[in-house]
Amino acid sequence: MNSTTSQERSYSADDVGDIQSRLLDHRPIINAEVRYFVREFEEKRGHREIRLLENLNKMVPEANEQMLPTDLERMLSDVVKRLEAANHMAEQVQQRELEAQKSTHLQGNMERLKDEWAEFLKEQQRLKEEVDEEHARAVGQLSAQYSEKKKDLSKFPPP
């Protein structure tokens, strides 16, 4: 018989490390599974995107046929006519405005209105200053009342 049997066999440090890595280290297997999953996902995603693009490619011509009128020239001529009418009306309004500005009567009224506006702005400024002063006084009074209340509260001991 052999002096060493299968039960008495001694293991080297390399053998123990190899056995441990096979039992506990699953990274190579997990990495392979992850690569497989990513490859499958990308293939399915690519097919899905191709289908979406094909659907869009079909929908665009259909939408163009439904949205765009068949008689585009007639529609454009109507738009041009409306724009010309709007331009003519704008020119008339502008002409009337120029005539109104030439009138001395209107110019006198405009000067008077400008003077009244300046007076109004001065009055508004004066009123604003009065309101600001009243506000400052009220804030001062409230601050004084608050300080007095604080002093009164400090006289009582905390609970």
C-alpha atoms as a PDB file:
ATOM      1  CA  MET A   1       0.000   0.000   0.000  1.00  0.00           C
ATOM      2  CA  ASN A   2       0.862   3.601  -0.496  1.00  0.00           C
ATOM      3  CA  SER A   3       2.049   5.451   2.493  1.00  0.00           C
ATOM      4  CA  THR A   4      -0.367   8.262   1.741  1.00  0.00           C
ATOM      5  CA  THR A   5      -3.990   7.576   1.065  1.00  0.00           C
ATOM      6  CA  SER A   6      -6.509   9.893  -0.539  1.00  0.00           C
ATOM      7  CA  GLN A   7      -7.638  11.028   2.873  1.00  0.00           C
ATOM      8  CA  GLU A   8      -4.180  11.930   4.012  1.00  0.00           C
ATOM      9  CA  ARG A   9      -3.219  13.870   0.908  1.00  0.00           C
ATOM     10  CA  SER A  10      -1.695  17.270   1.657  1.00  0.00           C
ATOM     11  CA  TYR A  11      -2.697  20.376  -0.243  1.00  0.00           C
ATOM     12  CA  SER A  12      -0.422  23.220  -1.170  1.00  0.00           C
ATOM     13  CA  ALA A  13      -1.271  26.889  -0.708  1.00  0.00           C
ATOM     14  CA  ASP A  14      -1.906  27.229  -4.447  1.00  0.00           C
ATOM     15  CA  ASP A  15      -4.445  24.405  -4.363  1.00  0.00           C
ATOM     16  CA  VAL A  16      -6.255  25.984  -1.429  1.00  0.00           C
ATOM     17  CA  GLY A  17      -6.304  29.392  -3.173  1.00  0.00           C
ATOM     18  CA  ASP A  18      -7.645  27.809  -6.377  1.00  0.00           C
ATOM     19  CA  ILE A  19     -10.411  26.006  -4.492  1.00  0.00           C
ATOM     20  CA  GLN A  20     -11.319  29.188  -2.599  1.00  0.00           C
ATOM     21  CA  SER A  21     -11.469  31.297  -5.773  1.00  0.00           C
ATOM     22  CA  ARG A  22     -13.698  28.709  -7.467  1.00  0.00           C
ATOM     23  CA  LEU A  23     -16.046  28.590  -4.510  1.00  0.00           C
ATOM     24  CA  LEU A  24     -16.192  32.305  -3.606  1.00  0.00           C
ATOM     25  CA  ASP A  25     -15.186  34.355  -6.667  1.00  0.00           C
ATOM     26  CA  HIS A  26     -18.108  34.611  -9.096  1.00  0.00           C
ATOM     27  CA  ARG A  27     -16.990  37.742 -10.948  1.00  0.00           C
ATOM     28  CA  PRO A  28     -16.091  36.045 -14.264  1.00  0.00           C
ATOM     29  CA  ILE A  29     -19.494  34.386 -14.426  1.00  0.00           C
ATOM     30  CA  ILE A  30     -21.331  37.581 -13.480  1.00  0.00           C
ATOM     31  CA  ASN A  31     -19.325  39.619 -16.017  1.00  0.00           C
ATOM     32  CA  ALA A  32     -20.223  37.152 -18.771  1.00  0.00           C
ATOM     33  CA  GLU A  33     -23.917  37.302 -17.821  1.00  0.00           C
ATOM     34  CA  VAL A  34     -23.866  41.115 -17.785  1.00  0.00           C
ATOM     35  CA  ARG A  35     -22.234  41.245 -21.235  1.00  0.00           C
ATOM     36  CA  TYR A  36     -24.859  38.822 -22.568  1.00  0.00           C
ATOM     37  CA  PHE A  37     -27.714  40.882 -21.066  1.00  0.00           C
ATOM     38  CA  VAL A  38     -26.355  44.149 -22.486  1.00  0.00           C
ATOM     39  CA  ARG A  39     -25.911  42.612 -25.949  1.00  0.00           C
ATOM     40  CA  GLU A  40     -29.485  41.268 -25.918  1.00  0.00           C
ATOM     41  CA  PHE A  41     -30.880  44.583 -24.674  1.00  0.00           C
ATOM     42  CA  GLU A  42     -29.064  46.587 -27.349  1.00  0.00           C
ATOM     43  CA  GLU A  43     -30.260  44.256 -30.114  1.00  0.00           C
ATOM     44  CA  LYS A  44     -33.893  44.463 -28.976  1.00  0.00           C
ATOM     45  CA  ARG A  45     -33.646  48.220 -28.514  1.00  0.00           C
ATOM     46  CA  GLY A  46     -32.175  48.611 -32.003  1.00  0.00           C
ATOM     47  CA  HIS A  47     -35.096  46.661 -33.504  1.00  0.00           C
ATOM     48  CA  ARG A  48     -37.597  48.729 -31.544  1.00  0.00           C
ATOM     49  CA  GLU A  49     -36.053  51.997 -32.710  1.00  0.00           C
ATOM     50  CA  ILE A  50     -36.035  50.826 -36.317  1.00  0.00           C
ATOM     51  CA  ARG A  51     -39.747  50.012 -36.038  1.00  0.00           C
ATOM     52  CA  LEU A  52     -40.443  53.438 -34.523  1.00  0.00           C
ATOM     53  CA  LEU A  53     -38.546  55.193 -37.325  1.00  0.00           C
ATOM     54  CA  GLU A  54     -40.416  53.178 -39.971  1.00  0.00           C
ATOM     55  CA  ASN A  55     -43.747  54.111 -38.367  1.00  0.00           C
ATOM     56  CA  LEU A  56     -42.742  57.771 -38.306  1.00  0.00           C
ATOM     57  CA  ASN A  57     -41.640  57.549 -41.919  1.00  0.00           C
ATOM     58  CA  LYS A  58     -45.144  56.296 -42.826  1.00  0.00           C
ATOM     59  CA  MET A  59     -46.944  58.845 -40.655  1.00  0.00           C
ATOM     60  CA  VAL A  60     -45.211  61.964 -42.014  1.00  0.00           C
ATOM     61  CA  PRO A  61     -46.490  61.692 -45.612  1.00  0.00           C
ATOM     62  CA  GLU A  62     -49.977  60.819 -44.328  1.00  0.00           C
ATOM     63  CA  ALA A  63     -49.957  63.855 -42.046  1.00  0.00           C
ATOM     64  CA  ASN A  64     -48.727  66.071 -44.879  1.00  0.00           C
ATOM     65  CA  GLU A  65     -51.570  64.911 -47.100  1.00  0.00           C
ATOM     66  CA  GLN A  66     -54.139  65.551 -44.389  1.00  0.00           C
ATOM     67  CA  MET A  67     -52.755  68.868 -43.134  1.00  0.00           C
ATOM     68  CA  LEU A  68     -51.745  70.642 -46.331  1.00  0.00           C
ATOM     69  CA  PRO A  69     -54.621  71.835 -48.482  1.00  0.00           C
ATOM     70  CA  THR A  70     -54.648  70.583 -52.024  1.00  0.00           C
ATOM     71  CA  ASP A  71     -55.277  74.045 -53.439  1.00  0.00           C
ATOM     72  CA  LEU A  72     -52.240  75.790 -51.971  1.00  0.00           C
ATOM     73  CA  GLU A  73     -52.051  78.459 -54.700  1.00  0.00           C
ATOM     74  CA  ARG A  74     -55.613  79.636 -54.068  1.00  0.00           C
ATOM     75  CA  MET A  75     -54.917  79.806 -50.350  1.00  0.00           C
ATOM     76  CA  LEU A  76     -51.730  81.813 -50.865  1.00  0.00           C
ATOM     77  CA  SER A  77     -53.467  84.256 -53.179  1.00  0.00           C
ATOM     78  CA  ASP A  78     -56.154  84.807 -50.498  1.00  0.00           C
ATOM     79  CA  VAL A  79     -53.456  85.521 -47.927  1.00  0.00           C
ATOM     80  CA  VAL A  80     -51.724  87.980 -50.285  1.00  0.00           C
ATOM     81  CA  LYS A  81     -55.021  89.792 -50.903  1.00  0.00           C
ATOM     82  CA  ARG A  82     -55.676  90.079 -47.168  1.00  0.00           C
ATOM     83  CA  LEU A  83     -52.163  91.410 -46.559  1.00  0.00           C
ATOM     84  CA  GLU A  84     -52.602  94.026 -49.288  1.00  0.00           C
ATOM     85  CA  ALA A  85     -55.916  95.127 -47.740  1.00  0.00           C
ATOM     86  CA  ALA A  86     -54.282  95.346 -44.306  1.00  0.00           C
ATOM     87  CA  ASN A  87     -51.418  97.417 -45.758  1.00  0.00           C
ATOM     88  CA  HIS A  88     -53.894  99.777 -47.427  1.00  0.00           C
ATOM     89  CA  MET A  89     -55.798 100.266 -44.163  1.00  0.00           C
ATOM     90  CA  ALA A  90     -52.556 100.859 -42.246  1.00  0.00           C
ATOM     91  CA  GLU A  91     -51.519 103.511 -44.796  1.00  0.00           C
ATOM     92  CA  GLN A  92     -54.866 105.263 -44.369  1.00  0.00           C
ATOM     93  CA  VAL A  93     -54.515 105.287 -40.577  1.00  0.00           C
ATOM     94  CA  GLN A  94     -50.979 106.610 -40.894  1.00  0.00           C
ATOM     95  CA  GLN A  95     -52.107 109.358 -43.270  1.00  0.00           C
ATOM     96  CA  ARG A  96     -54.854 110.430 -40.877  1.00  0.00           C
ATOM     97  CA  GLU A  97     -52.357 110.502 -38.013  1.00  0.00           C
ATOM     98  CA  LEU A  98     -50.019 112.738 -39.989  1.00  0.00           C
ATOM     99  CA  GLU A  99     -52.860 115.106 -40.811  1.00  0.00           C
ATOM    100  CA  ALA A 100     -53.905 115.216 -37.155  1.00  0.00           C
ATOM    101  CA  GLN A 101     -50.391 116.055 -36.028  1.00  0.00           C
ATOM    102  CA  LYS A 102     -50.222 118.956 -38.481  1.00  0.00           C
ATOM    103  CA  SER A 103     -53.232 120.549 -36.941  1.00  0.00           C
ATOM    104  CA  THR A 104     -52.276 123.421 -34.648  1.00  0.00           C
ATOM    105  CA  HIS A 105     -55.315 122.881 -32.514  1.00  0.00           C
ATOM    106  CA  LEU A 106     -54.185 119.363 -31.689  1.00  0.00           C
ATOM    107  CA  GLN A 107     -50.668 120.564 -31.046  1.00  0.00           C
ATOM    108  CA  GLY A 108     -51.976 123.075 -28.510  1.00  0.00           C
ATOM    109  CA  ASN A 109     -53.972 120.364 -26.807  1.00  0.00           C
ATOM    110  CA  MET A 110     -50.907 118.116 -26.746  1.00  0.00           C
ATOM    111  CA  GLU A 111     -48.823 120.857 -25.070  1.00  0.00           C
ATOM    112  CA  ARG A 112     -51.531 121.409 -22.493  1.00  0.00           C
ATOM    113  CA  LEU A 113     -51.745 117.677 -21.821  1.00  0.00           C
ATOM    114  CA  LYS A 114     -47.971 117.501 -21.434  1.00  0.00           C
ATOM    115  CA  ASP A 115     -48.059 120.299 -18.854  1.00  0.00           C
ATOM    116  CA  GLU A 116     -50.902 118.594 -16.991  1.00  0.00           C
ATOM    117  CA  TRP A 117     -48.981 115.330 -17.043  1.00  0.00           C
ATOM    118  CA  ALA A 118     -45.876 116.977 -15.597  1.00  0.00           C
ATOM    119  CA  GLU A 119     -48.005 118.558 -12.859  1.00  0.00           C
ATOM    120  CA  PHE A 120     -49.636 115.195 -12.167  1.00  0.00           C
ATOM    121  CA  LEU A 121     -46.210 113.526 -11.806  1.00  0.00           C
ATOM    122  CA  LYS A 122     -45.100 116.243  -9.358  1.00  0.00           C
ATOM    123  CA  GLU A 123     -48.248 115.742  -7.285  1.00  0.00           C
ATOM    124  CA  GLN A 124     -47.744 111.979  -7.281  1.00  0.00           C
ATOM    125  CA  GLN A 125     -44.153 112.423  -6.082  1.00  0.00           C
ATOM    126  CA  ARG A 126     -45.323 114.700  -3.259  1.00  0.00           C
ATOM    127  CA  LEU A 127     -47.998 112.191  -2.211  1.00  0.00           C
ATOM    128  CA  LYS A 128     -45.445 109.391  -2.319  1.00  0.00           C
ATOM    129  CA  GLU A 129     -43.140 111.318  -0.012  1.00  0.00           C
ATOM    130  CA  GLU A 130     -46.021 111.914   2.426  1.00  0.00           C
ATOM    131  CA  VAL A 131     -46.902 108.226   2.447  1.00  0.00           C
ATOM    132  CA  ASP A 132     -43.245 107.314   2.985  1.00  0.00           C
ATOM    133  CA  GLU A 133     -43.039 109.692   5.960  1.00  0.00           C
ATOM    134  CA  GLU A 134     -46.243 108.278   7.488  1.00  0.00           C
ATOM    135  CA  HIS A 135     -44.909 104.788   7.011  1.00  0.00           C
ATOM    136  CA  ALA A 136     -41.613 105.666   8.694  1.00  0.00           C
ATOM    137  CA  ARG A 137     -43.493 107.186  11.670  1.00  0.00           C
ATOM    138  CA  ALA A 138     -45.710 104.095  11.971  1.00  0.00           C
ATOM    139  CA  VAL A 139     -42.689 101.801  11.850  1.00  0.00           C
ATOM    140  CA  GLY A 140     -41.021 103.887  14.561  1.00  0.00           C
ATOM    141  CA  GLN A 141     -44.099 103.723  16.784  1.00  0.00           C
ATOM    142  CA  LEU A 142     -44.428  99.984  16.323  1.00  0.00           C
ATOM    143  CA  SER A 143     -40.744  99.492  17.099  1.00  0.00           C
ATOM    144  CA  ALA A 144     -41.126 101.522  20.293  1.00  0.00           C
ATOM    145  CA  GLN A 145     -44.216  99.524  21.331  1.00  0.00           C
ATOM    146  CA  TYR A 146     -42.420  96.275  20.590  1.00  0.00           C
ATOM    147  CA  SER A 147     -39.430  97.310  22.719  1.00  0.00           C
ATOM    148  CA  GLU A 148     -41.750  98.242  25.601  1.00  0.00           C
ATOM    149  CA  LYS A 149     -43.537  94.882  25.352  1.00  0.00           C
ATOM    150  CA  LYS A 150     -40.187  93.137  25.291  1.00  0.00           C
ATOM    151  CA  LYS A 151     -39.113  95.009  28.442  1.00  0.00           C
ATOM    152  CA  ASP A 152     -42.400  94.086  30.126  1.00  0.00           C
ATOM    153  CA  LEU A 153     -41.918  90.435  29.222  1.00  0.00           C
ATOM    154  CA  SER A 154     -38.361  90.423  30.518  1.00  0.00           C
ATOM    155  CA  LYS A 155     -39.674  91.380  33.986  1.00  0.00           C
ATOM    156  CA  PHE A 156     -41.459  88.019  34.295  1.00  0.00           C
ATOM    157  CA  PRO A 157     -39.344  84.970  35.029  1.00  0.00           C
ATOM    158  CA  PRO A 158     -39.327  82.216  32.402  1.00  0.00           C
ATOM    159  CA  PRO A 159     -41.516  79.181  33.231  1.00  0.00           C
END
